[in-house]
Amino acid sequence: MLSHLSSQTTITPLPNSRPSPPSLRHLRLRLTRPHVAASLSISSEMSSASTPLHAEQFEKKEGKTLLEFVGSGEAHVDDDLAVLLAHVQTACKRIAALVASPFNNEIGKSGGGGKGSSSGSGRDAQKPLDIISNEIILASLKSSGKVAVMASEEDEFPVWISDNSPFVVVTDPLDGSRNIDASIPTGTIFGVYRRLEEIDHLPTEEKAQLNSLQSGTRLVAAAYVLYSSATIFCASFGPGKGTHAFTLDQSIGEFVLTHPDVKVPPRGQIYSVNDARYFDWPEGLRQYIDTVRQGKGQTGKKYSARYICSLVADLHRTLLYGGIAMNPRDHLRLVYEANPLSFLVEEAGGRGSDGKHRILAIQPVKLHQRLPLFLGSKEDMLELESYGNIQQKVNPGYEV
């Protein structure tokens, strides 16, 4: 069990307007069977900003912490993955503090930089907070000792970390960062694969690329972290293991299980899309939206529109309330966004599609490959797809 970690893993808001990546060299987690024992040491820069609760106070809290959950037998998480998740959740606490910091506005004004991905232009131009979040995650993955390669939306090429580590991590470090000045919710997305040992003999650049281009059907874990009025770590720890959401309890600095075994309703009454693009949509998509908002669809109920323009936030609402979150044009990344989120949705009983095909069945051919994305309630998704032509091909370029 990892219960004694709860009072040790804490987070401090970053102290200045240009923070450096976290030093996580002192984060060590040892796991053994049949019981999981752990030692965790956090450097002073990650000490708590709030007074921790006494042990007896914590024990009264409902729900297991994330570390307790993955360390328990019920989660069926192996030792290596438990170690990795411990480091990832610590990185996400740091990003949560960064996003909430009063200094992030000044960081945003300092201008972009860094290598950046090949897709960074215009509305998707790389922001300073993207770069910092990317560095935080990379430092955390290196510290874990469990990651062979990291592929990030913020980097043009994958980063090879270790020859013998078991996992490959793909990530969008800070989804929705262009909205951060308006305090609109943002998020982190990541997916975890096993390293392809059969290609270990290839040159580093080639095996890094191939490891990162695995099909979504090979995911062993995926998660998003929502930074909003609450910070929520929503994860699936493997095929058939369901989707579970943990909420960051600021009083103890721990993610606590609040939504075990999330199930997206088979039907919702909400669609989430930027319908200012209505006249650029294909006929099938326009017909579907017209039909359901008039209450003439299969349910006979009038649907409402809810659109935040933050993928993680729109999906989180959809998981809880049902309906569909969508972007019908070739905009979202298969590797970093569509695959991990579709994995989570499927584990919650929903469906992920590009409008024609199951997302997880699509073989990536490029790291920054884009495609339309439709996620949500299974019956709503099937009704939408029955309209046929729902992928937007007209893409004139949008400034906002």
Protein backbone atom coordinates (compact mmCIF):
# COMPACT_ATOMS: atom_id res chain seq x y z
CA MET A 1 0.00 0.00 0.00
CA LEU A 2 1.13 3.57 -0.63
CA SER A 3 -1.00 5.21 2.04
CA HIS A 4 1.93 6.84 3.86
CA LEU A 5 2.86 8.79 0.72
CA SER A 6 -0.20 10.97 1.12
CA SER A 7 1.31 13.40 3.59
CA GLN A 8 4.62 13.62 1.71
CA THR A 9 3.73 14.45 -1.89
CA THR A 10 2.97 18.18 -1.96
CA ILE A 11 3.28 21.07 -4.35
CA THR A 12 4.41 24.67 -4.18
CA PRO A 13 3.39 27.39 -6.64
CA LEU A 14 6.37 28.37 -8.77
CA PRO A 15 8.20 31.28 -7.17
CA ASN A 16 8.89 33.60 -10.07
CA SER A 17 7.76 34.56 -13.52
CA ARG A 18 10.35 32.46 -15.35
CA PRO A 19 10.49 29.12 -13.53
CA SER A 20 12.95 26.43 -14.49
CA PRO A 21 11.98 22.78 -14.97
CA PRO A 22 11.54 20.91 -11.68
CA SER A 23 14.37 18.90 -10.25
CA LEU A 24 12.90 15.50 -9.52
CA ARG A 25 16.12 13.61 -8.92
CA HIS A 26 15.07 13.02 -5.33
CA LEU A 27 11.76 11.40 -6.24
CA ARG A 28 12.27 7.69 -5.72
CA LEU A 29 9.64 5.04 -5.46
CA ARG A 30 10.42 1.40 -4.75
CA LEU A 31 7.70 -1.16 -5.32
CA THR A 32 7.89 -4.79 -4.28
CA ARG A 33 5.41 -7.67 -4.17
CA PRO A 34 3.27 -9.02 -2.62
CA HIS A 35 2.78 -5.72 -0.84
CA VAL A 36 3.85 -2.40 -2.28
CA ALA A 37 6.41 -0.55 -0.17
CA ALA A 38 7.54 2.90 -1.13
CA SER A 39 10.00 5.58 -0.27
CA LEU A 40 9.43 9.07 -1.58
CA SER A 41 11.73 12.03 -1.20
CA ILE A 42 10.85 15.38 -2.71
CA SER A 43 13.34 18.24 -3.06
CA SER A 44 12.73 21.41 -1.07
CA GLU A 45 11.39 23.26 -4.11
CA MET A 46 8.35 20.97 -4.01
CA SER A 47 7.51 21.49 -0.31
CA SER A 48 3.91 22.20 0.63
CA ALA A 49 2.38 25.65 0.37
CA SER A 50 -0.32 24.63 2.83
CA THR A 51 -0.18 23.00 6.25
CA PRO A 52 -0.60 19.24 5.85
CA LEU A 53 -3.30 17.46 7.81
CA HIS A 54 -2.37 15.14 10.64
CA ALA A 55 -2.57 11.44 9.82
CA GLU A 56 -5.80 10.93 11.71
CA GLN A 57 -7.39 13.84 9.82
CA PHE A 58 -6.37 12.37 6.49
CA GLU A 59 -7.74 8.96 7.37
CA LYS A 60 -11.19 10.52 7.71
CA LYS A 61 -11.09 11.67 4.10
CA GLU A 62 -13.18 9.58 1.75
CA GLY A 63 -11.56 7.86 -1.21
CA LYS A 64 -8.11 6.48 -1.89
CA THR A 65 -5.32 8.63 -3.18
CA LEU A 66 -4.05 8.00 -6.69
CA LEU A 67 -0.88 6.38 -5.32
CA GLU A 68 -2.87 4.18 -2.95
CA PHE A 69 -5.15 3.15 -5.79
CA VAL A 70 -2.39 2.16 -8.20
CA GLY A 71 -0.50 0.44 -5.39
CA SER A 72 -3.46 -1.69 -4.42
CA GLY A 73 -4.23 -5.02 -5.98
CA GLU A 74 -7.64 -3.88 -7.23
CA ALA A 75 -6.07 -1.56 -9.82
CA HIS A 76 -3.95 -4.37 -11.35
CA VAL A 77 -1.14 -1.90 -12.07
CA ASP A 78 2.34 -3.37 -12.32
CA ASP A 79 5.28 -1.95 -10.39
CA ASP A 80 6.87 -0.12 -13.33
CA LEU A 81 3.65 1.63 -14.32
CA ALA A 82 2.96 2.59 -10.69
CA VAL A 83 6.37 4.26 -10.49
CA LEU A 84 5.75 6.13 -13.74
CA LEU A 85 2.31 7.34 -12.61
CA ALA A 86 3.78 8.60 -9.34
CA HIS A 87 6.16 10.83 -11.27
CA VAL A 88 3.56 11.94 -13.81
CA GLN A 89 1.09 13.02 -11.14
CA THR A 90 3.82 15.06 -9.43
CA ALA A 91 4.61 16.82 -12.72
CA CYS A 92 0.93 17.60 -13.20
CA LYS A 93 0.72 19.13 -9.72
CA ARG A 94 3.53 21.46 -10.73
CA ILE A 95 1.77 22.38 -13.97
CA ALA A 96 -1.44 23.01 -12.01
CA ALA A 97 0.46 25.42 -9.77
CA LEU A 98 2.02 27.09 -12.80
CA VAL A 99 -1.34 27.56 -14.52
CA ALA A 100 -2.85 29.05 -11.36
CA SER A 101 0.15 31.28 -10.64
CA PRO A 102 -0.37 35.06 -10.70
CA PHE A 103 2.86 35.22 -12.70
CA ASN A 104 1.69 33.16 -15.68
CA ASN A 105 0.40 36.27 -17.45
CA GLU A 106 3.91 37.73 -17.36
CA ILE A 107 5.34 34.45 -18.64
CA GLY A 108 2.89 34.59 -21.53
CA LYS A 109 4.08 38.06 -22.49
CA SER A 110 7.70 36.96 -22.65
CA GLY A 111 7.34 35.40 -26.10
CA GLY A 112 7.78 31.90 -27.45
CA GLY A 113 10.90 29.98 -28.18
CA GLY A 114 12.40 26.54 -28.14
CA LYS A 115 12.48 23.91 -30.81
CA GLY A 116 8.75 23.56 -31.12
CA SER A 117 6.73 21.16 -33.16
CA SER A 118 6.27 21.40 -36.86
CA SER A 119 2.67 22.48 -36.33
CA GLY A 120 3.31 25.67 -34.35
CA SER A 121 1.95 28.58 -36.33
CA GLY A 122 -0.87 31.07 -36.05
CA ARG A 123 -3.55 29.99 -33.57
CA ASP A 124 -1.42 26.96 -32.62
CA ALA A 125 1.83 28.88 -32.15
CA GLN A 126 3.88 27.58 -29.24
CA LYS A 127 3.42 29.55 -26.01
CA PRO A 128 5.98 29.95 -23.20
CA LEU A 129 3.73 27.97 -20.85
CA ASP A 130 3.71 25.13 -23.39
CA ILE A 131 7.49 25.03 -23.31
CA ILE A 132 7.72 25.13 -19.51
CA SER A 133 5.07 22.42 -19.11
CA ASN A 134 6.93 20.29 -21.65
CA GLU A 135 10.16 20.68 -19.69
CA ILE A 136 8.43 19.76 -16.43
CA ILE A 137 7.04 16.55 -17.92
CA LEU A 138 10.33 15.61 -19.59
CA ALA A 139 12.22 16.09 -16.30
CA SER A 140 9.65 13.95 -14.50
CA LEU A 141 9.83 11.13 -17.06
CA LYS A 142 13.63 11.13 -16.95
CA SER A 143 13.54 10.99 -13.15
CA SER A 144 11.18 8.02 -13.14
CA GLY A 145 13.71 5.75 -14.82
CA LYS A 146 10.79 4.01 -16.55
CA VAL A 147 10.56 5.82 -19.90
CA ALA A 148 12.57 4.98 -23.01
CA VAL A 149 11.18 7.73 -25.25
CA MET A 150 8.88 10.74 -24.95
CA ALA A 151 7.02 12.18 -27.94
CA SER A 152 5.46 15.57 -27.31
CA GLU A 153 3.24 17.87 -29.31
CA GLU A 154 5.76 20.58 -28.42
CA ASP A 155 8.75 18.81 -29.97
CA GLU A 156 9.34 18.15 -33.64
CA PHE A 157 10.99 14.80 -32.93
CA PRO A 158 10.74 12.25 -30.08
CA VAL A 159 13.26 12.46 -27.25
CA TRP A 160 15.13 9.23 -26.55
CA ILE A 161 15.65 8.94 -22.80
CA SER A 162 16.85 5.44 -21.93
CA ASP A 163 17.74 2.24 -23.77
CA ASN A 164 16.31 -0.25 -21.30
CA SER A 165 13.27 1.45 -19.77
CA PRO A 166 9.92 -0.24 -20.44
CA PHE A 167 7.60 2.59 -21.54
CA VAL A 168 6.93 5.10 -24.29
CA VAL A 169 5.01 8.25 -23.36
CA VAL A 170 3.18 10.53 -25.80
CA THR A 171 1.88 13.83 -24.48
CA ASP A 172 0.23 17.16 -25.08
CA PRO A 173 1.74 18.99 -22.09
CA LEU A 174 -0.70 21.93 -21.98
CA ASP A 175 -3.76 21.61 -24.17
CA GLY A 176 -5.73 24.85 -24.57
CA SER A 177 -2.86 27.11 -23.54
CA ARG A 178 -3.93 29.88 -25.90
CA ASN A 179 -6.96 30.43 -23.64
CA ILE A 180 -5.01 30.69 -20.41
CA ASP A 181 -5.01 34.50 -20.17
CA ALA A 182 -8.81 34.33 -19.90
CA SER A 183 -8.62 31.69 -17.13
CA ILE A 184 -10.37 29.15 -19.35
CA PRO A 185 -9.70 25.51 -18.32
CA THR A 186 -6.63 23.82 -19.75
CA GLY A 187 -5.29 20.29 -19.51
CA THR A 188 -2.48 17.78 -19.93
CA ILE A 189 -2.97 14.63 -22.04
CA PHE A 190 -0.74 11.59 -22.13
CA GLY A 191 -0.69 8.02 -23.32
CA VAL A 192 1.61 5.15 -22.33
CA TYR A 193 2.85 2.30 -24.55
CA ARG A 194 5.31 -0.53 -24.01
CA ARG A 195 8.69 -0.11 -25.67
CA LEU A 196 8.97 -2.20 -28.81
CA GLU A 197 11.88 -4.42 -27.83
CA GLU A 198 11.95 -6.06 -31.24
CA ILE A 199 13.31 -2.84 -32.80
CA ASP A 200 15.97 -2.14 -30.17
CA HIS A 201 18.66 -2.86 -32.78
CA LEU A 202 17.64 0.10 -34.97
CA PRO A 203 19.35 3.52 -34.88
CA THR A 204 18.12 5.74 -32.05
CA GLU A 205 16.19 8.22 -34.19
CA GLU A 206 14.42 5.48 -36.10
CA LYS A 207 13.39 3.42 -33.09
CA ALA A 208 12.26 6.56 -31.25
CA GLN A 209 9.98 7.41 -34.16
CA LEU A 210 8.56 3.91 -34.57
CA ASN A 211 7.94 3.50 -30.84
CA SER A 212 5.99 6.76 -30.85
CA LEU A 213 3.84 5.77 -33.84
CA GLN A 214 2.16 2.78 -32.25
CA SER A 215 -1.54 2.20 -32.85
CA GLY A 216 -3.90 3.29 -30.10
CA THR A 217 -4.92 -0.35 -29.64
CA ARG A 218 -1.50 -0.89 -28.03
CA LEU A 219 -1.98 1.71 -25.27
CA VAL A 220 -1.41 0.34 -21.77
CA ALA A 221 -2.58 3.50 -19.97
CA ALA A 222 -3.86 6.98 -20.75
CA ALA A 223 -4.95 10.04 -18.83
CA TYR A 224 -5.84 13.68 -18.95
CA VAL A 225 -5.47 16.22 -16.19
CA LEU A 226 -7.99 19.05 -16.14
CA TYR A 227 -6.84 22.38 -14.66
CA SER A 228 -10.03 24.22 -13.75
CA SER A 229 -11.98 25.10 -10.60
CA ALA A 230 -10.65 21.73 -9.50
CA THR A 231 -7.63 19.81 -10.77
CA ILE A 232 -8.77 16.37 -11.93
CA PHE A 233 -6.59 13.43 -12.97
CA CYS A 234 -8.77 11.14 -15.13
CA ALA A 235 -7.06 7.90 -16.09
CA SER A 236 -7.38 4.37 -17.33
CA PHE A 237 -4.68 1.96 -16.23
CA GLY A 238 -5.13 -0.57 -19.00
CA PRO A 239 -7.59 -2.23 -21.39
CA GLY A 240 -10.66 -3.44 -19.54
CA LYS A 241 -9.74 -1.61 -16.34
CA GLY A 242 -12.19 1.25 -16.66
CA THR A 243 -11.78 5.01 -16.35
CA HIS A 244 -11.31 6.63 -12.94
CA ALA A 245 -11.11 10.28 -11.90
CA PHE A 246 -9.12 11.69 -8.99
CA THR A 247 -9.51 15.25 -7.68
CA LEU A 248 -6.57 17.16 -6.20
CA ASP A 249 -7.22 17.81 -2.51
CA GLN A 250 -5.28 21.00 -1.92
CA SER A 251 -5.25 20.49 1.84
CA ILE A 252 -3.07 17.38 1.56
CA GLY A 253 -1.58 17.86 -1.90
CA GLU A 254 -2.92 14.52 -3.16
CA PHE A 255 -5.19 13.32 -5.95
CA VAL A 256 -8.12 11.56 -4.24
CA LEU A 257 -10.46 9.11 -5.96
CA THR A 258 -13.78 10.93 -6.48
CA HIS A 259 -15.23 9.26 -9.58
CA PRO A 260 -14.48 5.51 -9.62
CA ASP A 261 -15.33 3.61 -12.79
CA VAL A 262 -16.70 6.55 -14.78
CA LYS A 263 -19.37 5.55 -17.30
CA VAL A 264 -20.39 7.97 -20.02
CA PRO A 265 -24.19 7.84 -20.41
CA PRO A 266 -25.24 5.99 -23.60
CA ARG A 267 -27.15 9.15 -24.54
CA GLY A 268 -26.64 12.77 -23.65
CA GLN A 269 -28.42 15.95 -24.60
CA ILE A 270 -25.40 18.15 -25.32
CA TYR A 271 -23.24 18.64 -28.39
CA SER A 272 -19.95 20.50 -28.19
CA VAL A 273 -18.61 22.09 -31.37
CA ASN A 274 -17.73 25.54 -32.69
CA ASP A 275 -20.87 26.10 -34.72
CA ALA A 276 -19.60 29.45 -35.98
CA ARG A 277 -18.08 27.16 -38.63
CA TYR A 278 -21.55 25.89 -39.59
CA PHE A 279 -21.35 27.10 -43.19
CA ASP A 280 -18.01 25.35 -43.70
CA TRP A 281 -19.43 22.01 -42.54
CA PRO A 282 -20.48 19.21 -44.90
CA GLU A 283 -24.17 18.58 -45.42
CA GLY A 284 -24.31 15.52 -43.15
CA LEU A 285 -22.98 17.36 -40.10
CA ARG A 286 -25.28 20.34 -40.66
CA GLN A 287 -28.26 18.01 -40.94
CA TYR A 288 -27.37 16.21 -37.72
CA ILE A 289 -26.98 19.43 -35.72
CA ASP A 290 -30.17 20.92 -37.17
CA THR A 291 -32.05 17.73 -36.36
CA VAL A 292 -31.00 17.24 -32.74
CA ARG A 293 -31.31 20.86 -31.69
CA GLN A 294 -34.89 20.89 -33.01
CA GLY A 295 -35.66 17.73 -31.04
CA LYS A 296 -36.23 15.69 -34.20
CA GLY A 297 -33.46 13.15 -33.67
CA GLN A 298 -33.78 9.58 -32.41
CA THR A 299 -34.38 10.64 -28.80
CA GLY A 300 -37.02 13.26 -29.62
CA LYS A 301 -35.27 15.64 -27.20
CA LYS A 302 -33.88 19.06 -28.03
CA TYR A 303 -30.11 19.14 -27.63
CA SER A 304 -28.17 22.08 -26.22
CA ALA A 305 -24.77 23.42 -27.26
CA ARG A 306 -21.94 23.73 -24.74
CA TYR A 307 -18.54 24.70 -26.11
CA ILE A 308 -15.49 25.78 -24.09
CA CYS A 309 -12.90 25.47 -26.88
CA SER A 310 -10.66 23.51 -24.54
CA LEU A 311 -10.55 19.85 -25.58
CA VAL A 312 -9.93 18.40 -22.12
CA ALA A 313 -12.68 20.50 -20.54
CA ASP A 314 -15.23 19.74 -23.25
CA LEU A 315 -14.44 16.02 -23.04
CA HIS A 316 -14.61 15.96 -19.23
CA ARG A 317 -18.12 17.40 -19.30
CA THR A 318 -19.09 14.90 -21.99
CA LEU A 319 -17.81 11.96 -19.93
CA LEU A 320 -19.95 13.01 -16.98
CA TYR A 321 -23.12 14.20 -18.74
CA GLY A 322 -23.06 12.42 -22.09
CA GLY A 323 -23.43 13.77 -25.60
CA ILE A 324 -20.68 14.47 -28.12
CA ALA A 325 -17.54 16.63 -28.14
CA MET A 326 -16.20 17.17 -31.63
CA ASN A 327 -13.90 19.01 -33.99
CA PRO A 328 -14.94 17.99 -37.52
CA ARG A 329 -11.87 19.31 -39.38
CA ASP A 330 -8.32 17.94 -39.65
CA HIS A 331 -7.09 19.75 -36.57
CA LEU A 332 -6.45 17.46 -33.59
CA ARG A 333 -3.38 15.26 -33.31
CA LEU A 334 -3.88 11.52 -33.54
CA VAL A 335 -0.81 10.61 -31.48
CA TYR A 336 -1.01 13.14 -28.65
CA GLU A 337 -4.74 13.86 -28.32
CA ALA A 338 -7.08 11.57 -30.23
CA ASN A 339 -5.59 8.21 -29.23
CA PRO A 340 -5.26 8.77 -25.46
CA LEU A 341 -8.66 10.46 -25.18
CA SER A 342 -10.39 7.82 -27.29
CA PHE A 343 -8.87 5.14 -25.06
CA LEU A 344 -10.35 6.84 -21.99
CA VAL A 345 -13.75 7.26 -23.65
CA GLU A 346 -13.89 3.63 -24.74
CA GLU A 347 -12.91 2.45 -21.26
CA ALA A 348 -15.84 4.55 -19.99
CA GLY A 349 -18.23 2.85 -22.43
CA GLY A 350 -18.25 5.54 -25.12
CA ARG A 351 -16.92 5.81 -28.66
CA GLY A 352 -14.13 7.70 -30.41
CA SER A 353 -14.20 8.23 -34.19
CA ASP A 354 -12.82 10.39 -36.98
CA GLY A 355 -16.32 10.36 -38.46
CA LYS A 356 -15.66 7.19 -40.45
CA HIS A 357 -13.32 4.95 -38.47
CA ARG A 358 -12.63 3.99 -34.87
CA ILE A 359 -9.78 6.21 -33.69
CA LEU A 360 -7.81 3.46 -31.95
CA ALA A 361 -7.78 1.39 -35.15
CA ILE A 362 -6.06 4.12 -37.19
CA GLN A 363 -2.35 3.51 -37.70
CA PRO A 364 -0.38 6.76 -37.27
CA VAL A 365 2.05 7.52 -40.10
CA LYS A 366 3.35 10.89 -38.88
CA LEU A 367 4.05 12.17 -35.38
CA HIS A 368 2.01 15.35 -35.83
CA GLN A 369 -0.69 13.77 -37.96
CA ARG A 370 -4.04 15.58 -37.68
CA LEU A 371 -7.59 14.37 -38.13
CA PRO A 372 -11.22 15.14 -37.23
CA LEU A 373 -12.25 13.92 -33.79
CA PHE A 374 -15.66 12.91 -32.43
CA LEU A 375 -15.90 11.60 -28.85
CA GLY A 376 -18.85 10.76 -26.66
CA SER A 377 -21.89 8.66 -25.84
CA LYS A 378 -22.07 5.50 -27.94
CA GLU A 379 -25.66 5.89 -29.13
CA ASP A 380 -25.23 9.59 -29.92
CA MET A 381 -22.06 8.80 -31.84
CA LEU A 382 -23.73 6.08 -33.89
CA GLU A 383 -26.59 8.42 -34.74
CA LEU A 384 -24.16 11.14 -35.81
CA GLU A 385 -22.12 8.73 -37.98
CA SER A 386 -25.29 7.51 -39.68
CA TYR A 387 -25.49 10.91 -41.44
CA GLY A 388 -22.44 9.88 -43.47
CA ASN A 389 -20.63 13.03 -44.54
CA ILE A 390 -19.57 14.69 -41.27
CA GLN A 391 -15.86 15.43 -41.83
CA GLN A 392 -15.17 19.08 -42.66
CA LYS A 393 -12.94 19.36 -45.74
CA VAL A 394 -13.22 23.14 -46.18
CA ASN A 395 -10.52 24.72 -44.02
CA PRO A 396 -9.99 28.36 -44.96
CA GLY A 397 -7.93 29.11 -41.86
CA TYR A 398 -9.34 30.75 -38.76
CA GLU A 399 -7.81 33.56 -36.73
CA VAL A 400 -9.84 32.86 -33.58
